[in-house]
Amino acid sequence: MKMQTHDLKTWPEYFRAVEIGAKTFEIRNNDRNFKLDDFLKLREYDPRTMKYTGNELRAKITYITNFNQPTGQLVMGIVVQNSTVN
């Protein structure tokens, strides 16, 4: 099965937490059919300016669960593979 890369908008406070290793998960609606071993391209987005900052992280999905989540939502364990940060 082919792994996919999912392009995701991420607000600065969450982006920074992933970047420094404090946040090792993503909680998202499963509107993209996320799968184990897929990749997330987290693109930092500033909601005040409504623009992308140019900072990006690539993370691999290492775990997925929907335990105790609202319908259609899931939690993904992630490991950062690389980053492009200004």
PDB file of N, CA and C in Angstrom:
ATOM      1  N   MET A   1       0.836  -1.190   0.000  1.00  0.00           N
ATOM      2  CA  MET A   1       0.000   0.000   0.000  1.00  0.00           C
ATOM      3  C   MET A   1       0.880   1.252   0.000  1.00  0.00           C
ATOM      4  N   LYS A   2       0.540   2.218  -0.830  1.00  0.00           N
ATOM      5  CA  LYS A   2       1.318   3.437  -0.979  1.00  0.00           C
ATOM      6  C   LYS A   2       1.059   4.406   0.180  1.00  0.00           C
ATOM      7  N   MET A   3       2.146   4.912   0.762  1.00  0.00           N
ATOM      8  CA  MET A   3       2.032   5.905   1.818  1.00  0.00           C
ATOM      9  C   MET A   3       1.705   7.258   1.203  1.00  0.00           C
ATOM     10  N   GLN A   4       0.898   8.018   1.902  1.00  0.00           N
ATOM     11  CA  GLN A   4       0.524   9.352   1.433  1.00  0.00           C
ATOM     12  C   GLN A   4       1.168  10.417   2.310  1.00  0.00           C
ATOM     13  N   THR A   5       1.284  11.612   1.762  1.00  0.00           N
ATOM     14  CA  THR A   5       1.670  12.778   2.538  1.00  0.00           C
ATOM     15  C   THR A   5       0.467  13.709   2.579  1.00  0.00           C
ATOM     16  N   HIS A   6       0.053  14.058   3.785  1.00  0.00           N
ATOM     17  CA  HIS A   6      -1.110  14.918   3.999  1.00  0.00           C
ATOM     18  C   HIS A   6      -0.628  16.323   4.365  1.00  0.00           C
ATOM     19  N   ASP A   7      -1.034  17.298   3.597  1.00  0.00           N
ATOM     20  CA  ASP A   7      -0.651  18.694   3.776  1.00  0.00           C
ATOM     21  C   ASP A   7      -1.637  19.337   4.767  1.00  0.00           C
ATOM     22  N   LEU A   8      -1.132  19.752   5.954  1.00  0.00           N
ATOM     23  CA  LEU A   8      -2.009  20.260   7.002  1.00  0.00           C
ATOM     24  C   LEU A   8      -1.599  21.643   7.496  1.00  0.00           C
ATOM     25  N   LYS A   9      -2.580  22.500   7.644  1.00  0.00           N
ATOM     26  CA  LYS A   9      -2.409  23.827   8.215  1.00  0.00           C
ATOM     27  C   LYS A   9      -2.273  23.671   9.735  1.00  0.00           C
ATOM     28  N   THR A  10      -1.251  24.325  10.332  1.00  0.00           N
ATOM     29  CA  THR A  10      -1.003  24.207  11.768  1.00  0.00           C
ATOM     30  C   THR A  10      -0.722  25.579  12.359  1.00  0.00           C
ATOM     31  N   TRP A  11      -1.469  25.930  13.397  1.00  0.00           N
ATOM     32  CA  TRP A  11      -1.283  27.237  14.037  1.00  0.00           C
ATOM     33  C   TRP A  11       0.060  27.294  14.768  1.00  0.00           C
ATOM     34  N   PRO A  12       0.635  28.487  14.903  1.00  0.00           N
ATOM     35  CA  PRO A  12       1.993  28.642  15.451  1.00  0.00           C
ATOM     36  C   PRO A  12       2.245  27.958  16.796  1.00  0.00           C
ATOM     37  N   GLU A  13       1.338  28.072  17.762  1.00  0.00           N
ATOM     38  CA  GLU A  13       1.608  27.481  19.080  1.00  0.00           C
ATOM     39  C   GLU A  13       1.701  25.952  19.006  1.00  0.00           C
ATOM     40  N   TYR A  14       0.917  25.344  18.138  1.00  0.00           N
ATOM     41  CA  TYR A  14       0.968  23.888  17.980  1.00  0.00           C
ATOM     42  C   TYR A  14       2.183  23.475  17.155  1.00  0.00           C
ATOM     43  N   PHE A  15       2.500  24.266  16.140  1.00  0.00           N
ATOM     44  CA  PHE A  15       3.677  24.006  15.313  1.00  0.00           C
ATOM     45  C   PHE A  15       4.936  24.003  16.176  1.00  0.00           C
ATOM     46  N   ARG A  16       5.092  25.036  17.005  1.00  0.00           N
ATOM     47  CA  ARG A  16       6.286  25.157  17.855  1.00  0.00           C
ATOM     48  C   ARG A  16       6.381  23.992  18.840  1.00  0.00           C
ATOM     49  N   ALA A  17       5.242  23.583  19.400  1.00  0.00           N
ATOM     50  CA  ALA A  17       5.238  22.463  20.350  1.00  0.00           C
ATOM     51  C   ALA A  17       5.704  21.171  19.684  1.00  0.00           C
ATOM     52  N   VAL A  18       5.298  20.943  18.435  1.00  0.00           N
ATOM     53  CA  VAL A  18       5.766  19.769  17.691  1.00  0.00           C
ATOM     54  C   VAL A  18       7.257  19.933  17.390  1.00  0.00           C
ATOM     55  N   GLU A  19       7.645  21.120  16.970  1.00  0.00           N
ATOM     56  CA  GLU A  19       9.039  21.385  16.595  1.00  0.00           C
ATOM     57  C   GLU A  19      10.005  21.086  17.746  1.00  0.00           C
ATOM     58  N   ILE A  20       9.653  21.460  18.970  1.00  0.00           N
ATOM     59  CA  ILE A  20      10.568  21.254  20.105  1.00  0.00           C
ATOM     60  C   ILE A  20      10.398  19.882  20.764  1.00  0.00           C
ATOM     61  N   GLY A  21       9.446  19.090  20.274  1.00  0.00           N
ATOM     62  CA  GLY A  21       9.267  17.743  20.781  1.00  0.00           C
ATOM     63  C   GLY A  21       8.317  17.618  21.960  1.00  0.00           C
ATOM     64  N   ALA A  22       7.670  18.714  22.351  1.00  0.00           N
ATOM     65  CA  ALA A  22       6.724  18.677  23.472  1.00  0.00           C
ATOM     66  C   ALA A  22       5.391  18.052  23.074  1.00  0.00           C
ATOM     67  N   LYS A  23       5.033  18.160  21.806  1.00  0.00           N
ATOM     68  CA  LYS A  23       3.767  17.620  21.292  1.00  0.00           C
ATOM     69  C   LYS A  23       4.110  16.541  20.274  1.00  0.00           C
ATOM     70  N   THR A  24       3.747  15.302  20.590  1.00  0.00           N
ATOM     71  CA  THR A  24       4.099  14.164  19.736  1.00  0.00           C
ATOM     72  C   THR A  24       2.854  13.507  19.149  1.00  0.00           C
ATOM     73  N   PHE A  25       1.807  14.315  18.988  1.00  0.00           N
ATOM     74  CA  PHE A  25       0.543  13.785  18.474  1.00  0.00           C
ATOM     75  C   PHE A  25      -0.189  14.883  17.714  1.00  0.00           C
ATOM     76  N   GLU A  26      -1.133  14.467  16.894  1.00  0.00           N
ATOM     77  CA  GLU A  26      -2.057  15.363  16.211  1.00  0.00           C
ATOM     78  C   GLU A  26      -3.460  14.829  16.427  1.00  0.00           C
ATOM     79  N   ILE A  27      -4.394  15.699  16.738  1.00  0.00           N
ATOM     80  CA  ILE A  27      -5.810  15.349  16.826  1.00  0.00           C
ATOM     81  C   ILE A  27      -6.483  16.021  15.641  1.00  0.00           C
ATOM     82  N   ARG A  28      -7.091  15.218  14.790  1.00  0.00           N
ATOM     83  CA  ARG A  28      -7.676  15.745  13.552  1.00  0.00           C
ATOM     84  C   ARG A  28      -8.962  15.018  13.208  1.00  0.00           C
ATOM     85  N   ASN A  29      -9.795  15.703  12.425  1.00  0.00           N
ATOM     86  CA  ASN A  29     -10.918  15.005  11.801  1.00  0.00           C
ATOM     87  C   ASN A  29     -10.322  14.052  10.773  1.00  0.00           C
ATOM     88  N   ASN A  30     -10.880  12.870  10.663  1.00  0.00           N
ATOM     89  CA  ASN A  30     -10.344  11.898   9.707  1.00  0.00           C
ATOM     90  C   ASN A  30     -11.006  12.093   8.334  1.00  0.00           C
ATOM     91  N   ASP A  31     -10.838  13.281   7.812  1.00  0.00           N
ATOM     92  CA  ASP A  31     -11.413  13.620   6.511  1.00  0.00           C
ATOM     93  C   ASP A  31     -10.445  13.349   5.363  1.00  0.00           C
ATOM     94  N   ARG A  32      -9.288  12.774   5.677  1.00  0.00           N
ATOM     95  CA  ARG A  32      -8.270  12.498   4.658  1.00  0.00           C
ATOM     96  C   ARG A  32      -7.860  11.037   4.632  1.00  0.00           C
ATOM     97  N   ASN A  33      -8.565  10.214   5.396  1.00  0.00           N
ATOM     98  CA  ASN A  33      -8.271   8.783   5.445  1.00  0.00           C
ATOM     99  C   ASN A  33      -6.823   8.523   5.860  1.00  0.00           C
ATOM    100  N   PHE A  34      -6.419   9.109   6.991  1.00  0.00           N
ATOM    101  CA  PHE A  34      -5.071   8.931   7.522  1.00  0.00           C
ATOM    102  C   PHE A  34      -4.799   7.453   7.796  1.00  0.00           C
ATOM    103  N   LYS A  35      -3.585   7.026   7.499  1.00  0.00           N
ATOM    104  CA  LYS A  35      -3.170   5.640   7.706  1.00  0.00           C
ATOM    105  C   LYS A  35      -1.823   5.603   8.426  1.00  0.00           C
ATOM    106  N   LEU A  36      -1.588   4.501   9.137  1.00  0.00           N
ATOM    107  CA  LEU A  36      -0.312   4.259   9.773  1.00  0.00           C
ATOM    108  C   LEU A  36       0.791   4.315   8.718  1.00  0.00           C
ATOM    109  N   ASP A  37       1.896   4.945   9.035  1.00  0.00           N
ATOM    110  CA  ASP A  37       3.073   5.123   8.169  1.00  0.00           C
ATOM    111  C   ASP A  37       2.901   6.190   7.095  1.00  0.00           C
ATOM    112  N   ASP A  38       1.731   6.853   7.025  1.00  0.00           N
ATOM    113  CA  ASP A  38       1.607   8.033   6.172  1.00  0.00           C
ATOM    114  C   ASP A  38       2.438   9.156   6.784  1.00  0.00           C
ATOM    115  N   PHE A  39       2.610  10.228   6.031  1.00  0.00           N
ATOM    116  CA  PHE A  39       3.352  11.391   6.507  1.00  0.00           C
ATOM    117  C   PHE A  39       2.433  12.603   6.594  1.00  0.00           C
ATOM    118  N   LEU A  40       2.742  13.477   7.532  1.00  0.00           N
ATOM    119  CA  LEU A  40       2.052  14.755   7.661  1.00  0.00           C
ATOM    120  C   LEU A  40       3.035  15.857   7.307  1.00  0.00           C
ATOM    121  N   LYS A  41       2.628  16.742   6.437  1.00  0.00           N
ATOM    122  CA  LYS A  41       3.399  17.944   6.149  1.00  0.00           C
ATOM    123  C   LYS A  41       2.689  19.053   6.915  1.00  0.00           C
ATOM    124  N   LEU A  42       3.243  19.406   8.091  1.00  0.00           N
ATOM    125  CA  LEU A  42       2.645  20.431   8.931  1.00  0.00           C
ATOM    126  C   LEU A  42       3.188  21.782   8.499  1.00  0.00           C
ATOM    127  N   ARG A  43       2.299  22.622   8.006  1.00  0.00           N
ATOM    128  CA  ARG A  43       2.683  23.948   7.517  1.00  0.00           C
ATOM    129  C   ARG A  43       2.176  25.003   8.495  1.00  0.00           C
ATOM    130  N   GLU A  44       3.114  25.766   9.056  1.00  0.00           N
ATOM    131  CA  GLU A  44       2.737  26.785  10.040  1.00  0.00           C
ATOM    132  C   GLU A  44       1.906  27.880   9.368  1.00  0.00           C
ATOM    133  N   TYR A  45       0.763  28.156   9.968  1.00  0.00           N
ATOM    134  CA  TYR A  45      -0.196  29.126   9.429  1.00  0.00           C
ATOM    135  C   TYR A  45      -0.562  30.104  10.540  1.00  0.00           C
ATOM    136  N   ASP A  46      -0.425  31.383  10.270  1.00  0.00           N
ATOM    137  CA  ASP A  46      -0.750  32.414  11.252  1.00  0.00           C
ATOM    138  C   ASP A  46      -2.185  32.889  11.026  1.00  0.00           C
ATOM    139  N   PRO A  47      -3.112  32.565  11.950  1.00  0.00           N
ATOM    140  CA  PRO A  47      -4.513  32.947  11.751  1.00  0.00           C
ATOM    141  C   PRO A  47      -4.746  34.459  11.827  1.00  0.00           C
ATOM    142  N   ARG A  48      -3.815  35.203  12.432  1.00  0.00           N
ATOM    143  CA  ARG A  48      -3.975  36.667  12.504  1.00  0.00           C
ATOM    144  C   ARG A  48      -3.744  37.314  11.141  1.00  0.00           C
ATOM    145  N   THR A  49      -2.720  36.826  10.433  1.00  0.00           N
ATOM    146  CA  THR A  49      -2.405  37.390   9.118  1.00  0.00           C
ATOM    147  C   THR A  49      -3.069  36.604   7.993  1.00  0.00           C
ATOM    148  N   MET A  50      -3.587  35.403   8.351  1.00  0.00           N
ATOM    149  CA  MET A  50      -4.209  34.493   7.385  1.00  0.00           C
ATOM    150  C   MET A  50      -3.225  34.102   6.281  1.00  0.00           C
ATOM    151  N   LYS A  51      -1.943  33.882   6.692  1.00  0.00           N
ATOM    152  CA  LYS A  51      -0.896  33.499   5.747  1.00  0.00           C
ATOM    153  C   LYS A  51      -0.020  32.405   6.331  1.00  0.00           C
ATOM    154  N   TYR A  52       0.564  31.619   5.441  1.00  0.00           N
ATOM    155  CA  TYR A  52       1.561  30.637   5.841  1.00  0.00           C
ATOM    156  C   TYR A  52       2.869  31.360   6.134  1.00  0.00           C
ATOM    157  N   THR A  53       3.626  30.860   7.119  1.00  0.00           N
ATOM    158  CA  THR A  53       4.889  31.503   7.502  1.00  0.00           C
ATOM    159  C   THR A  53       6.075  30.997   6.689  1.00  0.00           C
ATOM    160  N   GLY A  54       5.915  29.864   6.031  1.00  0.00           N
ATOM    161  CA  GLY A  54       7.023  29.234   5.307  1.00  0.00           C
ATOM    162  C   GLY A  54       7.686  28.125   6.112  1.00  0.00           C
ATOM    163  N   ASN A  55       7.364  28.023   7.408  1.00  0.00           N
ATOM    164  CA  ASN A  55       7.907  26.954   8.245  1.00  0.00           C
ATOM    165  C   ASN A  55       7.114  25.670   8.025  1.00  0.00           C
ATOM    166  N   GLU A  56       7.835  24.564   7.900  1.00  0.00           N
ATOM    167  CA  GLU A  56       7.193  23.269   7.660  1.00  0.00           C
ATOM    168  C   GLU A  56       7.907  22.174   8.429  1.00  0.00           C
ATOM    169  N   LEU A  57       7.144  21.179   8.845  1.00  0.00           N
ATOM    170  CA  LEU A  57       7.671  19.972   9.467  1.00  0.00           C
ATOM    171  C   LEU A  57       7.107  18.772   8.730  1.00  0.00           C
ATOM    172  N   ARG A  58       7.903  17.740   8.579  1.00  0.00           N
ATOM    173  CA  ARG A  58       7.423  16.475   8.014  1.00  0.00           C
ATOM    174  C   ARG A  58       7.471  15.451   9.141  1.00  0.00           C
ATOM    175  N   ALA A  59       6.326  14.833   9.399  1.00  0.00           N
ATOM    176  CA  ALA A  59       6.228  13.868  10.485  1.00  0.00           C
ATOM    177  C   ALA A  59       5.590  12.580   9.985  1.00  0.00           C
ATOM    178  N   LYS A  60       6.039  11.465  10.532  1.00  0.00           N
ATOM    179  CA  LYS A  60       5.499  10.155  10.182  1.00  0.00           C
ATOM    180  C   LYS A  60       4.453   9.758  11.222  1.00  0.00           C
ATOM    181  N   ILE A  61       3.326   9.206  10.753  1.00  0.00           N
ATOM    182  CA  ILE A  61       2.289   8.705  11.651  1.00  0.00           C
ATOM    183  C   ILE A  61       2.734   7.334  12.157  1.00  0.00           C
ATOM    184  N   THR A  62       2.902   7.228  13.486  1.00  0.00           N
ATOM    185  CA  THR A  62       3.385   5.983  14.084  1.00  0.00           C
ATOM    186  C   THR A  62       2.304   5.242  14.866  1.00  0.00           C
ATOM    187  N   TYR A  63       1.166   5.915  15.126  1.00  0.00           N
ATOM    188  CA  TYR A  63       0.093   5.305  15.908  1.00  0.00           C
ATOM    189  C   TYR A  63      -1.194   6.056  15.612  1.00  0.00           C
ATOM    190  N   ILE A  64      -2.306   5.347  15.556  1.00  0.00           N
ATOM    191  CA  ILE A  64      -3.613   5.972  15.323  1.00  0.00           C
ATOM    192  C   ILE A  64      -4.642   5.337  16.253  1.00  0.00           C
ATOM    193  N   THR A  65      -5.457   6.186  16.892  1.00  0.00           N
ATOM    194  CA  THR A  65      -6.582   5.691  17.687  1.00  0.00           C
ATOM    195  C   THR A  65      -7.735   6.692  17.617  1.00  0.00           C
ATOM    196  N   ASN A  66      -8.931   6.167  17.749  1.00  0.00           N
ATOM    197  CA  ASN A  66     -10.102   7.042  17.861  1.00  0.00           C
ATOM    198  C   ASN A  66     -10.764   6.856  19.228  1.00  0.00           C
ATOM    199  N   PHE A  67     -10.052   6.186  20.160  1.00  0.00           N
ATOM    200  CA  PHE A  67     -10.586   5.922  21.489  1.00  0.00           C
ATOM    201  C   PHE A  67     -11.038   7.205  22.176  1.00  0.00           C
ATOM    202  N   ASN A  68     -12.276   7.222  22.588  1.00  0.00           N
ATOM    203  CA  ASN A  68     -12.869   8.325  23.358  1.00  0.00           C
ATOM    204  C   ASN A  68     -12.898   9.657  22.599  1.00  0.00           C
ATOM    205  N   GLN A  69     -12.822   9.597  21.285  1.00  0.00           N
ATOM    206  CA  GLN A  69     -12.869  10.805  20.459  1.00  0.00           C
ATOM    207  C   GLN A  69     -14.271  10.975  19.885  1.00  0.00           C
ATOM    208  N   PRO A  70     -14.645  12.228  19.563  1.00  0.00           N
ATOM    209  CA  PRO A  70     -15.922  12.435  18.874  1.00  0.00           C
ATOM    210  C   PRO A  70     -15.933  11.671  17.542  1.00  0.00           C
ATOM    211  N   THR A  71     -17.091  11.342  17.056  1.00  0.00           N
ATOM    212  CA  THR A  71     -17.233  10.622  15.790  1.00  0.00           C
ATOM    213  C   THR A  71     -16.474  11.340  14.677  1.00  0.00           C
ATOM    214  N   GLY A  72     -15.680  10.583  13.951  1.00  0.00           N
ATOM    215  CA  GLY A  72     -14.943  11.131  12.821  1.00  0.00           C
ATOM    216  C   GLY A  72     -13.601  11.735  13.180  1.00  0.00           C
ATOM    217  N   GLN A  73     -13.253  11.765  14.454  1.00  0.00           N
ATOM    218  CA  GLN A  73     -11.989  12.369  14.879  1.00  0.00           C
ATOM    219  C   GLN A  73     -11.032  11.279  15.353  1.00  0.00           C
ATOM    220  N   LEU A  74      -9.717  11.529  15.226  1.00  0.00           N
ATOM    221  CA  LEU A  74      -8.737  10.569  15.703  1.00  0.00           C
ATOM    222  C   LEU A  74      -7.511  11.261  16.262  1.00  0.00           C
ATOM    223  N   VAL A  75      -6.727  10.484  16.980  1.00  0.00           N
ATOM    224  CA  VAL A  75      -5.458  10.944  17.540  1.00  0.00           C
ATOM    225  C   VAL A  75      -4.363  10.154  16.840  1.00  0.00           C
ATOM    226  N   MET A  76      -3.347  10.874  16.358  1.00  0.00           N
ATOM    227  CA  MET A  76      -2.226  10.229  15.682  1.00  0.00           C
ATOM    228  C   MET A  76      -0.941  10.494  16.443  1.00  0.00           C
ATOM    229  N   GLY A  77      -0.211   9.431  16.792  1.00  0.00           N
ATOM    230  CA  GLY A  77       1.135   9.593  17.303  1.00  0.00           C
ATOM    231  C   GLY A  77       2.040   9.913  16.127  1.00  0.00           C
ATOM    232  N   ILE A  78       2.944  10.892  16.300  1.00  0.00           N
ATOM    233  CA  ILE A  78       3.807  11.318  15.194  1.00  0.00           C
ATOM    234  C   ILE A  78       5.260  11.428  15.643  1.00  0.00           C
ATOM    235  N   VAL A  79       6.163  11.231  14.686  1.00  0.00           N
ATOM    236  CA  VAL A  79       7.594  11.444  14.898  1.00  0.00           C
ATOM    237  C   VAL A  79       8.073  12.361  13.786  1.00  0.00           C
ATOM    238  N   VAL A  80       8.684  13.480  14.160  1.00  0.00           N
ATOM    239  CA  VAL A  80       9.201  14.438  13.173  1.00  0.00           C
ATOM    240  C   VAL A  80      10.382  13.828  12.438  1.00  0.00           C
ATOM    241  N   GLN A  81      10.337  13.919  11.119  1.00  0.00           N
ATOM    242  CA  GLN A  81      11.407  13.389  10.263  1.00  0.00           C
ATOM    243  C   GLN A  81      12.396  14.484   9.856  1.00  0.00           C
ATOM    244  N   ASN A  82      11.859  15.657   9.504  1.00  0.00           N
ATOM    245  CA  ASN A  82      12.706  16.794   9.150  1.00  0.00           C
ATOM    246  C   ASN A  82      11.882  18.077   9.191  1.00  0.00           C
ATOM    247  N   SER A  83      12.583  19.201   9.114  1.00  0.00           N
ATOM    248  CA  SER A  83      11.894  20.493   9.173  1.00  0.00           C
ATOM    249  C   SER A  83      12.577  21.515   8.298  1.00  0.00           C
ATOM    250  N   THR A  84      11.778  22.499   7.903  1.00  0.00           N
ATOM    251  CA  THR A  84      12.257  23.685   7.206  1.00  0.00           C
ATOM    252  C   THR A  84      11.708  24.850   7.997  1.00  0.00           C
ATOM    253  N   VAL A  85      12.558  25.428   8.840  1.00  0.00           N
ATOM    254  CA  VAL A  85      12.113  26.496   9.740  1.00  0.00           C
ATOM    255  C   VAL A  85      12.980  27.720   9.498  1.00  0.00           C
ATOM    256  N   ASN A  86      12.314  28.862   9.322  1.00  0.00           N
ATOM    257  CA  ASN A  86      13.015  30.133   9.098  1.00  0.00           C
ATOM    258  C   ASN A  86      13.652  30.635  10.385  1.00  0.00           C
TER     259      ASN A  86
END
